Amino acid sequence: MTRSRSKPGGNSVDGDGKVGFRERKPPWLKVPAPGGPRYRELTEMIAEQNLNTVCREANCPNVGECWERGTATFMILGDVCTRRCGFCNVQTGKPTWNDPLEPLRVANSVKRMGLSHAVVTSVDRDDLPDYGASAFVGVIRSIRKLAPACKVEVLTPDFRGQEMPLAKVIHERPDVFNHNVETVPRLYPIARRGSDFLRSARVLRMAKEMGGEEVVTKSGLMVGLGEEFDEMIETFAILREHRVEVLTVGQYLRPTENHLPVVRYWHPDEFAALEKAAYELGFESVASGPLVRSSYHADESAREVAERRAAAAV
């Protein structure tokens, strides 16, 4: 059973007015409807394996492009989240059970799809003793066994800031450890109730300290909830202080009328300015654009980091 999603993040956000839910979006947010042959093939394969993807659960605008490229972000531990973020379209409530064979099913799909870079995320599972860390361990090990040439990126919850669940995951040496802070600290009480910005930042720093050079750290934010440009840059700086190396920035798109409203749509030129500022702060790879999402072209970001490090070592 799941609880109502009515006003999941509160009644309002800061800002000078809001964009109406049915108001026409700017042209730079238009994307073709998915439906190509590769998309249909992957849809059938994922349904056959009874797997969840954040591509579908979160209504990602890039699902058509990514699936045509033969990439997908797998969402483990079910499709019911124990938290209620005001921007997220994943259903919230009390999860029922966990499938012990899910890691093998994910790894088998990665092998069948011939992926070179797999992204694995999950809902928040605050109901579990280790907050779901063991499931990530199982998926990483299974992919390493069935598809050893595939790079593995994990996009995890904050594990309530606990070191031991995080240590379990980092011990498996994922190629990329991603944890999204999502928004600027000021908006956390509105957009991310149940989470804490500095706790998330500490998770990222601990991941880097535990994983060293073998693990690339990554985080992502949205714009459109009422944040200011200077606030975004200040948040980037905090992430750099916590040793985050890869950054993604995209536009928040309101999933339903019950979710937090969009305060405004940022222009592509503003995303370019954010990207420039992030590189100046020292990030090794930055993807900033209206349709950028955390897993968008994740393989390219990882490759960019590897190339930069190789060039620096010469």
Protein backbone atom coordinates (compact mmCIF):
# COMPACT_ATOMS: atom_id res chain seq x y z
CA MET A 1 0.00 0.00 0.00
CA THR A 2 1.23 3.49 -0.81
CA ARG A 3 0.31 6.82 0.74
CA SER A 4 -1.25 9.70 -1.15
CA ARG A 5 1.12 11.90 -3.12
CA SER A 6 -0.97 14.99 -2.40
CA LYS A 7 1.40 17.92 -1.83
CA PRO A 8 4.42 15.65 -1.24
CA GLY A 9 6.81 18.53 -0.77
CA GLY A 10 4.65 21.26 0.76
CA ASN A 11 2.45 24.01 -0.60
CA SER A 12 4.94 26.46 -2.05
CA VAL A 13 8.50 27.31 -2.97
CA ASP A 14 10.35 30.60 -2.83
CA GLY A 15 10.32 32.77 -5.91
CA ASP A 16 8.51 35.53 -7.76
CA GLY A 17 5.61 33.51 -9.08
CA LYS A 18 5.36 30.00 -10.48
CA VAL A 19 4.94 28.38 -13.87
CA GLY A 20 1.47 26.92 -14.43
CA PHE A 21 1.42 23.12 -14.75
CA ARG A 22 -0.23 23.25 -18.18
CA GLU A 23 1.71 26.27 -19.39
CA ARG A 24 3.63 25.72 -22.61
CA LYS A 25 7.28 24.81 -22.07
CA PRO A 26 10.06 26.74 -23.83
CA PRO A 27 11.31 25.25 -27.12
CA TRP A 28 14.60 24.01 -25.67
CA LEU A 29 12.67 21.51 -23.53
CA LYS A 30 10.97 19.81 -26.48
CA VAL A 31 12.04 16.20 -27.10
CA PRO A 32 10.80 13.60 -29.58
CA ALA A 33 8.42 10.99 -28.20
CA PRO A 34 10.17 7.64 -27.63
CA GLY A 35 9.28 4.73 -29.85
CA GLY A 36 12.23 3.60 -31.97
CA PRO A 37 13.05 -0.08 -32.53
CA ARG A 38 15.81 -0.21 -29.90
CA TYR A 39 13.50 1.49 -27.38
CA ARG A 40 10.79 -1.11 -27.99
CA GLU A 41 13.31 -3.95 -27.73
CA LEU A 42 14.62 -2.72 -24.37
CA THR A 43 11.10 -2.08 -23.08
CA GLU A 44 10.23 -5.71 -23.75
CA MET A 45 13.50 -7.00 -22.29
CA ILE A 46 13.18 -5.02 -19.06
CA ALA A 47 9.52 -6.03 -18.65
CA GLU A 48 10.45 -9.67 -19.27
CA GLN A 49 13.05 -9.52 -16.49
CA ASN A 50 10.59 -7.72 -14.17
CA LEU A 51 13.05 -4.87 -13.59
CA ASN A 52 12.47 -1.23 -12.72
CA THR A 53 14.25 1.66 -14.40
CA VAL A 54 14.46 5.22 -13.16
CA CYS A 55 14.08 6.18 -16.81
CA ARG A 56 10.41 5.23 -16.67
CA GLU A 57 9.65 5.68 -12.94
CA ALA A 58 10.95 9.28 -12.92
CA ASN A 59 9.52 10.22 -16.34
CA CYS A 60 12.99 11.08 -17.67
CA PRO A 61 12.75 13.21 -20.83
CA ASN A 62 15.79 11.43 -22.30
CA VAL A 63 14.37 7.91 -22.13
CA GLY A 64 13.96 7.70 -25.91
CA GLU A 65 17.49 8.89 -26.70
CA CYS A 66 19.19 6.80 -24.02
CA TRP A 67 17.34 3.59 -24.80
CA GLU A 68 18.01 4.00 -28.51
CA ARG A 69 21.72 4.26 -27.53
CA GLY A 70 21.32 0.96 -25.65
CA THR A 71 21.77 2.42 -22.17
CA ALA A 72 19.47 2.44 -19.15
CA THR A 73 19.56 3.18 -15.43
CA PHE A 74 18.34 0.25 -13.35
CA MET A 75 16.40 0.94 -10.16
CA ILE A 76 16.74 -1.81 -7.56
CA LEU A 77 14.96 -2.54 -4.28
CA GLY A 78 11.49 -2.09 -5.72
CA ASP A 79 9.56 0.95 -6.87
CA VAL A 80 8.27 2.25 -3.51
CA CYS A 81 10.35 4.89 -1.70
CA THR A 82 10.29 5.50 2.05
CA ARG A 83 10.81 9.25 1.60
CA ARG A 84 8.60 11.87 0.02
CA CYS A 85 10.61 14.42 -1.94
CA GLY A 86 8.44 17.12 -3.46
CA PHE A 87 9.95 16.84 -6.94
CA CYS A 88 10.10 13.06 -7.41
CA ASN A 89 7.59 10.97 -9.34
CA VAL A 90 8.53 7.64 -7.73
CA GLN A 91 5.70 6.40 -5.52
CA THR A 92 6.17 6.67 -1.79
CA GLY A 93 4.96 4.41 1.00
CA LYS A 94 5.89 1.25 2.90
CA PRO A 95 7.85 -1.24 0.77
CA THR A 96 6.86 -4.89 0.99
CA TRP A 97 9.72 -7.25 0.13
CA ASN A 98 13.06 -7.53 -1.64
CA ASP A 99 13.82 -10.01 -4.41
CA PRO A 100 17.09 -11.81 -3.56
CA LEU A 101 17.56 -12.68 -7.25
CA GLU A 102 17.31 -9.07 -8.42
CA PRO A 103 21.10 -8.51 -8.61
CA LEU A 104 21.47 -11.48 -10.98
CA ARG A 105 18.54 -10.33 -13.12
CA VAL A 106 20.07 -6.85 -13.44
CA ALA A 107 23.47 -8.27 -14.32
CA ASN A 108 21.94 -10.64 -16.87
CA SER A 109 20.17 -7.70 -18.54
CA VAL A 110 23.41 -5.69 -18.58
CA LYS A 111 25.09 -8.63 -20.34
CA ARG A 112 22.26 -9.11 -22.86
CA MET A 113 22.18 -5.39 -23.65
CA GLY A 114 25.95 -5.38 -24.18
CA LEU A 115 26.43 -2.31 -22.00
CA SER A 116 29.85 -0.80 -21.52
CA HIS A 117 28.65 1.45 -18.66
CA ALA A 118 25.77 0.47 -16.36
CA VAL A 119 24.11 2.82 -13.88
CA VAL A 120 22.38 1.32 -10.84
CA THR A 121 20.22 3.35 -8.48
CA SER A 122 17.50 2.63 -5.93
CA VAL A 123 14.63 4.09 -4.01
CA ASP A 124 15.36 5.16 -0.43
CA ARG A 125 14.96 2.16 1.87
CA ASP A 126 15.08 3.59 5.38
CA ASP A 127 13.16 0.49 6.51
CA LEU A 128 16.14 -1.83 5.97
CA PRO A 129 18.93 -2.35 8.54
CA ASP A 130 21.66 -1.31 6.09
CA TYR A 131 19.37 1.00 4.06
CA GLY A 132 19.78 -1.21 0.99
CA ALA A 133 23.59 -1.25 0.79
CA SER A 134 23.73 -5.05 0.50
CA ALA A 135 21.62 -4.94 -2.65
CA PHE A 136 24.10 -2.58 -4.30
CA VAL A 137 26.91 -4.94 -3.29
CA GLY A 138 25.06 -7.85 -4.88
CA VAL A 139 24.48 -5.99 -8.15
CA ILE A 140 28.11 -4.82 -8.44
CA ARG A 141 29.42 -8.34 -7.81
CA SER A 142 26.96 -9.86 -10.27
CA ILE A 143 27.81 -7.41 -13.04
CA ARG A 144 31.53 -7.95 -12.45
CA LYS A 145 30.95 -11.70 -12.87
CA LEU A 146 28.59 -11.71 -15.86
CA ALA A 147 29.81 -8.60 -17.71
CA PRO A 148 33.37 -7.96 -16.47
CA ALA A 149 34.15 -5.39 -19.18
CA CYS A 150 31.25 -3.16 -18.12
CA LYS A 151 31.91 -0.08 -15.99
CA VAL A 152 29.61 0.21 -12.98
CA GLU A 153 28.18 3.48 -11.67
CA VAL A 154 26.05 3.46 -8.53
CA LEU A 155 23.64 6.25 -7.62
CA THR A 156 22.83 5.61 -3.98
CA PRO A 157 20.68 7.09 -1.23
CA ASP A 158 22.44 8.82 1.67
CA PHE A 159 22.27 5.70 3.91
CA ARG A 160 21.19 8.13 6.67
CA GLY A 161 24.82 9.23 6.82
CA GLN A 162 25.98 5.91 8.31
CA GLU A 163 29.54 4.84 7.48
CA MET A 164 29.16 1.05 7.50
CA PRO A 165 26.51 0.77 4.72
CA LEU A 166 28.57 3.19 2.62
CA ALA A 167 31.75 1.23 3.32
CA LYS A 168 30.07 -1.97 2.07
CA VAL A 169 29.37 -0.35 -1.29
CA ILE A 170 32.74 1.37 -1.67
CA HIS A 171 34.54 -1.88 -0.76
CA GLU A 172 33.26 -3.27 -4.10
CA ARG A 173 35.01 -0.40 -5.92
CA PRO A 174 32.28 0.88 -8.24
CA ASP A 175 33.86 2.90 -11.02
CA VAL A 176 31.67 5.89 -10.14
CA PHE A 177 29.93 6.65 -6.86
CA ASN A 178 27.05 9.08 -7.35
CA HIS A 179 24.82 10.64 -4.74
CA ASN A 180 22.66 13.57 -5.79
CA VAL A 181 22.25 16.55 -3.48
CA GLU A 182 19.44 17.67 -5.86
CA THR A 183 19.07 21.31 -4.76
CA VAL A 184 20.67 24.14 -2.80
CA PRO A 185 20.76 23.90 1.01
CA ARG A 186 18.11 26.62 1.52
CA LEU A 187 15.46 24.60 -0.31
CA TYR A 188 15.99 21.30 1.51
CA PRO A 189 13.15 21.83 4.05
CA ILE A 190 10.77 22.29 1.11
CA ALA A 191 12.06 19.92 -1.55
CA ARG A 192 13.87 17.18 0.40
CA ARG A 193 12.11 16.62 3.67
CA GLY A 194 13.82 13.78 5.54
CA SER A 195 17.20 14.59 4.01
CA ASP A 196 20.01 16.95 5.01
CA PHE A 197 22.36 18.73 2.60
CA LEU A 198 25.51 18.56 4.73
CA ARG A 199 24.85 14.90 5.52
CA SER A 200 24.71 14.19 1.78
CA ALA A 201 27.91 16.19 1.24
CA ARG A 202 29.64 14.18 3.97
CA VAL A 203 28.57 10.92 2.30
CA LEU A 204 30.28 12.07 -0.89
CA ARG A 205 33.45 13.04 0.96
CA MET A 206 33.56 9.74 2.86
CA ALA A 207 33.07 7.83 -0.40
CA LYS A 208 36.13 9.54 -1.85
CA GLU A 209 38.19 8.99 1.28
CA MET A 210 37.27 5.29 1.30
CA GLY A 211 37.64 4.69 -2.43
CA GLY A 212 40.62 6.89 -3.25
CA GLU A 213 41.62 7.18 -6.90
CA GLU A 214 39.78 3.97 -7.80
CA VAL A 215 36.36 5.58 -7.29
CA VAL A 216 35.15 8.75 -9.04
CA THR A 217 32.67 10.79 -7.00
CA LYS A 218 29.70 12.48 -8.65
CA SER A 219 26.65 14.53 -7.70
CA GLY A 220 23.79 16.32 -9.41
CA LEU A 221 21.44 19.27 -8.92
CA MET A 222 18.27 20.66 -10.46
CA VAL A 223 17.31 24.26 -11.14
CA GLY A 224 13.83 25.72 -11.29
CA LEU A 225 12.72 25.41 -7.66
CA GLY A 226 13.53 29.01 -6.69
CA GLU A 227 17.31 28.91 -6.31
CA GLU A 228 19.50 31.83 -7.41
CA PHE A 229 22.57 31.67 -9.64
CA ASP A 230 24.94 32.65 -6.80
CA GLU A 231 23.40 29.97 -4.57
CA MET A 232 24.16 27.36 -7.20
CA ILE A 233 27.80 28.44 -7.39
CA GLU A 234 28.09 28.39 -3.60
CA THR A 235 26.65 24.86 -3.60
CA PHE A 236 29.14 23.79 -6.28
CA ALA A 237 31.95 25.12 -4.07
CA ILE A 238 30.73 23.09 -1.09
CA LEU A 239 30.66 19.95 -3.23
CA ARG A 240 34.22 20.59 -4.39
CA GLU A 241 35.28 21.03 -0.75
CA HIS A 242 33.77 17.57 -0.17
CA ARG A 243 35.88 16.13 -3.02
CA VAL A 244 33.16 15.70 -5.64
CA GLU A 245 34.73 15.32 -9.09
CA VAL A 246 31.82 15.05 -11.56
CA LEU A 247 28.76 17.32 -11.64
CA THR A 248 25.42 17.31 -13.48
CA VAL A 249 22.90 20.15 -13.59
CA GLY A 250 19.47 20.01 -15.23
CA GLN A 251 16.07 21.67 -15.30
CA TYR A 252 13.36 20.50 -12.88
CA LEU A 253 10.19 19.46 -14.72
CA ARG A 254 7.07 19.11 -12.61
CA PRO A 255 5.74 15.53 -12.90
CA THR A 256 2.15 16.22 -11.75
CA GLU A 257 0.06 19.02 -10.30
CA ASN A 258 0.62 17.50 -6.85
CA HIS A 259 4.37 18.08 -7.02
CA LEU A 260 6.34 21.23 -6.35
CA PRO A 261 5.73 23.91 -8.99
CA VAL A 262 8.40 25.18 -11.34
CA VAL A 263 9.39 28.72 -10.34
CA ARG A 264 11.01 29.37 -13.71
CA TYR A 265 12.73 27.68 -16.64
CA TRP A 266 16.43 28.50 -16.89
CA HIS A 267 17.76 29.48 -20.32
CA PRO A 268 20.46 27.37 -22.03
CA ASP A 269 22.86 30.33 -21.72
CA GLU A 270 22.47 30.16 -17.93
CA PHE A 271 23.31 26.46 -17.97
CA ALA A 272 26.42 27.27 -20.00
CA ALA A 273 27.42 29.84 -17.38
CA LEU A 274 26.92 27.28 -14.61
CA GLU A 275 29.09 24.80 -16.48
CA LYS A 276 31.86 27.35 -16.95
CA ALA A 277 31.79 28.29 -13.25
CA ALA A 278 31.87 24.61 -12.23
CA TYR A 279 34.95 23.90 -14.33
CA GLU A 280 36.62 26.97 -12.84
CA LEU A 281 36.01 25.48 -9.39
CA GLY A 282 37.93 22.36 -10.41
CA PHE A 283 35.34 19.72 -11.38
CA GLU A 284 36.82 17.16 -13.77
CA SER A 285 33.63 16.68 -15.80
CA VAL A 286 30.48 18.83 -15.92
CA ALA A 287 27.23 18.28 -17.81
CA SER A 288 24.91 21.28 -17.53
CA GLY A 289 21.83 21.72 -19.69
CA PRO A 290 18.03 21.85 -19.59
CA LEU A 291 17.58 18.14 -20.30
CA VAL A 292 20.63 16.86 -18.42
CA ARG A 293 19.88 14.25 -15.79
CA SER A 294 22.22 12.49 -13.39
CA SER A 295 22.70 9.44 -15.60
CA TYR A 296 22.58 11.27 -18.94
CA HIS A 297 25.61 10.21 -21.03
CA ALA A 298 27.19 8.85 -17.85
CA ASP A 299 29.62 6.81 -19.93
CA GLU A 300 30.93 9.98 -21.58
CA SER A 301 31.47 11.70 -18.20
CA ALA A 302 33.46 8.73 -16.91
CA ARG A 303 35.52 8.68 -20.10
CA GLU A 304 36.22 12.42 -19.81
CA VAL A 305 37.56 11.98 -16.28
CA ALA A 306 39.78 9.09 -17.39
CA GLU A 307 41.16 11.10 -20.32
CA ARG A 308 41.87 14.15 -18.15
CA ARG A 309 43.73 12.04 -15.61
CA ALA A 310 45.72 10.26 -18.32
CA ALA A 311 46.72 13.60 -19.84
CA ALA A 312 47.71 14.96 -16.42
CA ALA A 313 49.91 11.92 -15.77
CA VAL A 314 51.95 12.44 -18.93
